[in-house]
Amino acid sequence: MLKRLKRDHQHIAILLDILTGKHIRLAEGEAVNFNLIRDIVEYMQGYTEHSHHPLEDITYDYYVKKMANIGKPLESNDQLHREHDKITQATSSLMYSLNMILSDVVISREKLISDLVNYTQLQLAHMQFEEKLLFPQFAQHLDEDDWQAIEKICYTKLVDDPLFSDNDNVIFEELREHIARVDKKR
């Protein structure tokens, strides 16, 4: 499960890199593909917020409970949950702006750039927090039995990644093609 969380972060980083490029191009007055941006944000809403973040929440809550049970209670810290809530709000705001633009409603370029910058910065800071503080603690204190118990708890929350899995799902096909083109250029 920890491998899955780390792999998800690698995938999210690819998408955040694309969004960063888009907001830079917007700030320079260039045209961007708003459908592609919306696809990324839609993916993040659908997969990250409904599978990845719940898995992190469940793992963290399990970890806190385990530490308390072995006599090493942790200070109350709901930073993970607060950050997930902030990201959900930022995602909704960005998606609203994108949907307005795609519906031919005028939204200022500055508002969209601000939403994109805020969103990418929140996501990047959040992943750094998890990778530097939480994931090492999970690796140190959770054993194979713990991960199996977590997987059992998460079973109903886990879904296949609709973008980065090998299924035949045609959702996000344009985004998949874009990522493949970008990878070839690297």
Protein backbone atom coordinates (compact mmCIF):
# COMPACT_ATOMS: atom_id res chain seq x y z
CA MET A 1 0.00 0.00 0.00
CA LEU A 2 2.85 2.39 0.74
CA LYS A 3 4.23 1.63 -2.73
CA ARG A 4 0.83 2.55 -4.16
CA LEU A 5 0.82 5.86 -2.29
CA LYS A 6 4.32 6.68 -3.52
CA ARG A 7 3.45 5.67 -7.09
CA ASP A 8 0.35 7.87 -6.95
CA HIS A 9 2.58 10.77 -5.88
CA GLN A 10 4.84 10.20 -8.88
CA HIS A 11 1.80 10.32 -11.16
CA ILE A 12 0.40 13.41 -9.45
CA ALA A 13 3.79 15.12 -9.84
CA ILE A 14 3.63 14.54 -13.62
CA LEU A 15 0.22 16.21 -13.75
CA LEU A 16 1.28 19.09 -11.52
CA ASP A 17 4.25 19.66 -13.81
CA ILE A 18 1.87 19.93 -16.76
CA LEU A 19 -0.35 22.36 -14.84
CA THR A 20 2.68 24.45 -13.91
CA GLY A 21 3.61 24.68 -17.58
CA LYS A 22 0.06 25.72 -18.41
CA HIS A 23 -0.10 28.50 -15.83
CA ILE A 24 3.31 29.79 -17.00
CA ARG A 25 2.06 29.85 -20.59
CA LEU A 26 -1.12 31.62 -19.48
CA ALA A 27 0.90 34.21 -17.56
CA GLU A 28 2.95 34.83 -20.71
CA GLY A 29 -0.27 35.44 -22.67
CA GLU A 30 -0.11 32.22 -24.65
CA ALA A 31 -3.08 30.01 -25.50
CA VAL A 32 -3.56 26.76 -23.61
CA ASN A 33 -5.81 23.74 -23.98
CA PHE A 34 -8.44 24.31 -21.28
CA ASN A 35 -9.95 20.88 -21.90
CA LEU A 36 -6.62 19.28 -21.02
CA ILE A 37 -6.38 21.32 -17.83
CA ARG A 38 -9.93 20.35 -16.92
CA ASP A 39 -9.12 16.68 -17.58
CA ILE A 40 -6.22 16.88 -15.12
CA VAL A 41 -8.36 18.55 -12.48
CA GLU A 42 -11.20 16.10 -13.12
CA TYR A 43 -8.79 13.20 -12.69
CA MET A 44 -7.54 14.72 -9.45
CA GLN A 45 -11.11 15.12 -8.21
CA GLY A 46 -12.19 11.66 -9.25
CA TYR A 47 -9.19 9.57 -8.34
CA THR A 48 -7.03 11.50 -5.92
CA GLU A 49 -9.81 12.87 -3.73
CA HIS A 50 -11.92 9.70 -3.76
CA SER A 51 -9.28 6.97 -3.58
CA HIS A 52 -5.77 8.27 -2.87
CA HIS A 53 -6.58 10.74 -0.07
CA PRO A 54 -8.99 8.37 1.71
CA LEU A 55 -6.25 5.71 1.63
CA GLU A 56 -3.85 8.19 3.23
CA ASP A 57 -6.45 9.19 5.83
CA ILE A 58 -7.21 5.58 6.73
CA THR A 59 -3.51 4.71 6.91
CA TYR A 60 -2.76 7.71 9.09
CA ASP A 61 -5.67 7.01 11.44
CA TYR A 62 -4.61 3.36 11.68
CA TYR A 63 -1.03 4.45 12.41
CA VAL A 64 -2.14 6.86 15.17
CA LYS A 65 -4.30 4.17 16.74
CA LYS A 66 -1.48 1.61 16.58
CA MET A 67 0.96 4.01 18.22
CA ALA A 68 -1.53 4.68 21.02
CA ASN A 69 -2.09 0.93 21.48
CA ILE A 70 1.64 0.26 21.90
CA GLY A 71 1.97 3.06 24.46
CA LYS A 72 3.43 5.70 22.13
CA PRO A 73 0.53 8.10 21.67
CA LEU A 74 1.12 10.92 19.24
CA GLU A 75 0.31 14.55 19.79
CA SER A 76 -3.01 15.43 18.23
CA ASN A 77 -2.27 16.57 14.69
CA ASP A 78 -4.96 16.73 12.07
CA GLN A 79 -2.74 18.46 9.48
CA LEU A 80 -3.28 15.66 6.97
CA HIS A 81 -7.06 15.93 7.15
CA ARG A 82 -6.96 19.75 7.05
CA GLU A 83 -4.73 19.70 3.98
CA HIS A 84 -7.02 17.23 2.22
CA ASP A 85 -9.94 19.56 2.90
CA LYS A 86 -8.00 22.57 1.59
CA ILE A 87 -7.06 20.69 -1.56
CA THR A 88 -10.68 19.67 -2.12
CA GLN A 89 -11.74 23.33 -1.85
CA ALA A 90 -8.95 24.48 -4.19
CA THR A 91 -9.89 21.77 -6.68
CA SER A 92 -13.53 22.85 -6.63
CA SER A 93 -12.58 26.49 -7.15
CA LEU A 94 -10.30 25.66 -10.05
CA MET A 95 -12.87 23.34 -11.63
CA TYR A 96 -15.52 26.04 -11.34
CA SER A 97 -13.28 28.54 -13.15
CA LEU A 98 -12.46 26.01 -15.87
CA ASN A 99 -16.09 25.06 -16.40
CA MET A 100 -17.01 28.74 -16.70
CA ILE A 101 -14.31 29.30 -19.31
CA LEU A 102 -15.35 26.20 -21.25
CA SER A 103 -18.95 27.45 -21.14
CA ASP A 104 -17.78 30.73 -22.71
CA VAL A 105 -18.27 32.72 -19.51
CA VAL A 106 -15.58 35.34 -19.11
CA ILE A 107 -13.19 34.66 -16.23
CA SER A 108 -10.13 36.86 -15.82
CA ARG A 109 -6.83 35.35 -16.84
CA GLU A 110 -5.43 36.46 -13.47
CA LYS A 111 -8.13 34.52 -11.57
CA LEU A 112 -7.39 31.34 -13.49
CA ILE A 113 -3.63 31.76 -13.09
CA SER A 114 -4.11 32.39 -9.36
CA ASP A 115 -6.31 29.30 -9.03
CA LEU A 116 -3.74 27.17 -10.91
CA VAL A 117 -0.80 28.47 -8.88
CA ASN A 118 -2.65 28.02 -5.59
CA TYR A 119 -3.71 24.51 -6.55
CA THR A 120 -0.27 23.32 -7.66
CA GLN A 121 1.47 24.87 -4.65
CA LEU A 122 -0.99 23.25 -2.23
CA GLN A 123 -0.57 19.87 -3.88
CA LEU A 124 3.24 20.05 -3.95
CA ALA A 125 3.52 21.20 -0.32
CA HIS A 126 1.08 18.48 0.71
CA MET A 127 3.06 15.74 -1.02
CA GLN A 128 6.31 17.00 0.55
CA PHE A 129 4.70 16.89 4.01
CA GLU A 130 3.60 13.30 3.45
CA GLU A 131 6.82 12.09 1.86
CA LYS A 132 9.14 13.70 4.42
CA LEU A 133 7.12 13.19 7.60
CA LEU A 134 4.35 10.63 7.25
CA PHE A 135 5.57 8.00 4.79
CA PRO A 136 8.83 7.36 6.70
CA GLN A 137 6.82 6.88 9.91
CA PHE A 138 4.48 4.48 8.14
CA ALA A 139 7.44 2.51 6.77
CA GLN A 140 9.08 2.34 10.19
CA HIS A 141 6.06 1.41 12.31
CA LEU A 142 3.60 -0.47 10.09
CA ASP A 143 4.34 -4.10 9.28
CA GLU A 144 2.88 -6.45 6.68
CA ASP A 145 -0.05 -7.40 8.96
CA ASP A 146 -0.85 -3.72 9.44
CA TRP A 147 -0.80 -3.10 5.68
CA GLN A 148 -3.10 -6.06 5.10
CA ALA A 149 -5.51 -4.73 7.72
CA ILE A 150 -5.36 -1.27 6.09
CA GLU A 151 -6.01 -2.79 2.67
CA LYS A 152 -9.04 -4.60 4.06
CA ILE A 153 -10.39 -1.36 5.55
CA CYS A 154 -9.72 0.49 2.29
CA TYR A 155 -11.13 -2.16 -0.01
CA THR A 156 -14.31 -0.21 -0.82
CA LYS A 157 -12.36 3.05 -1.30
CA LEU A 158 -9.69 1.70 -3.63
CA VAL A 159 -10.28 2.06 -7.34
CA ASP A 160 -7.96 1.46 -10.26
CA ASP A 161 -6.20 4.57 -11.39
CA PRO A 162 -8.21 5.63 -14.47
CA LEU A 163 -5.24 7.41 -16.06
CA PHE A 164 -2.08 5.52 -15.15
CA SER A 165 -3.35 1.92 -15.09
CA ASP A 166 -3.17 -0.53 -17.98
CA ASN A 167 -6.92 -0.90 -18.36
CA ASP A 168 -8.75 -0.18 -21.60
CA ASN A 169 -10.56 2.80 -20.13
CA VAL A 170 -10.93 5.60 -22.70
CA ILE A 171 -11.51 8.24 -20.04
CA PHE A 172 -8.74 10.85 -20.14
CA GLU A 173 -7.52 9.61 -23.55
CA GLU A 174 -6.44 13.12 -24.63
CA LEU A 175 -4.55 13.56 -21.37
CA ARG A 176 -2.91 10.13 -21.74
CA GLU A 177 -1.74 11.08 -25.24
CA HIS A 178 -0.42 14.43 -23.99
CA ILE A 179 1.61 12.76 -21.23
CA ALA A 180 3.04 10.28 -23.75
CA ARG A 181 4.13 13.15 -26.04
CA VAL A 182 5.73 15.02 -23.14
CA ASP A 183 7.59 11.87 -22.02
CA LYS A 184 9.00 11.38 -25.52
CA LYS A 185 10.43 14.92 -25.46
CA ARG A 186 12.30 14.34 -22.17
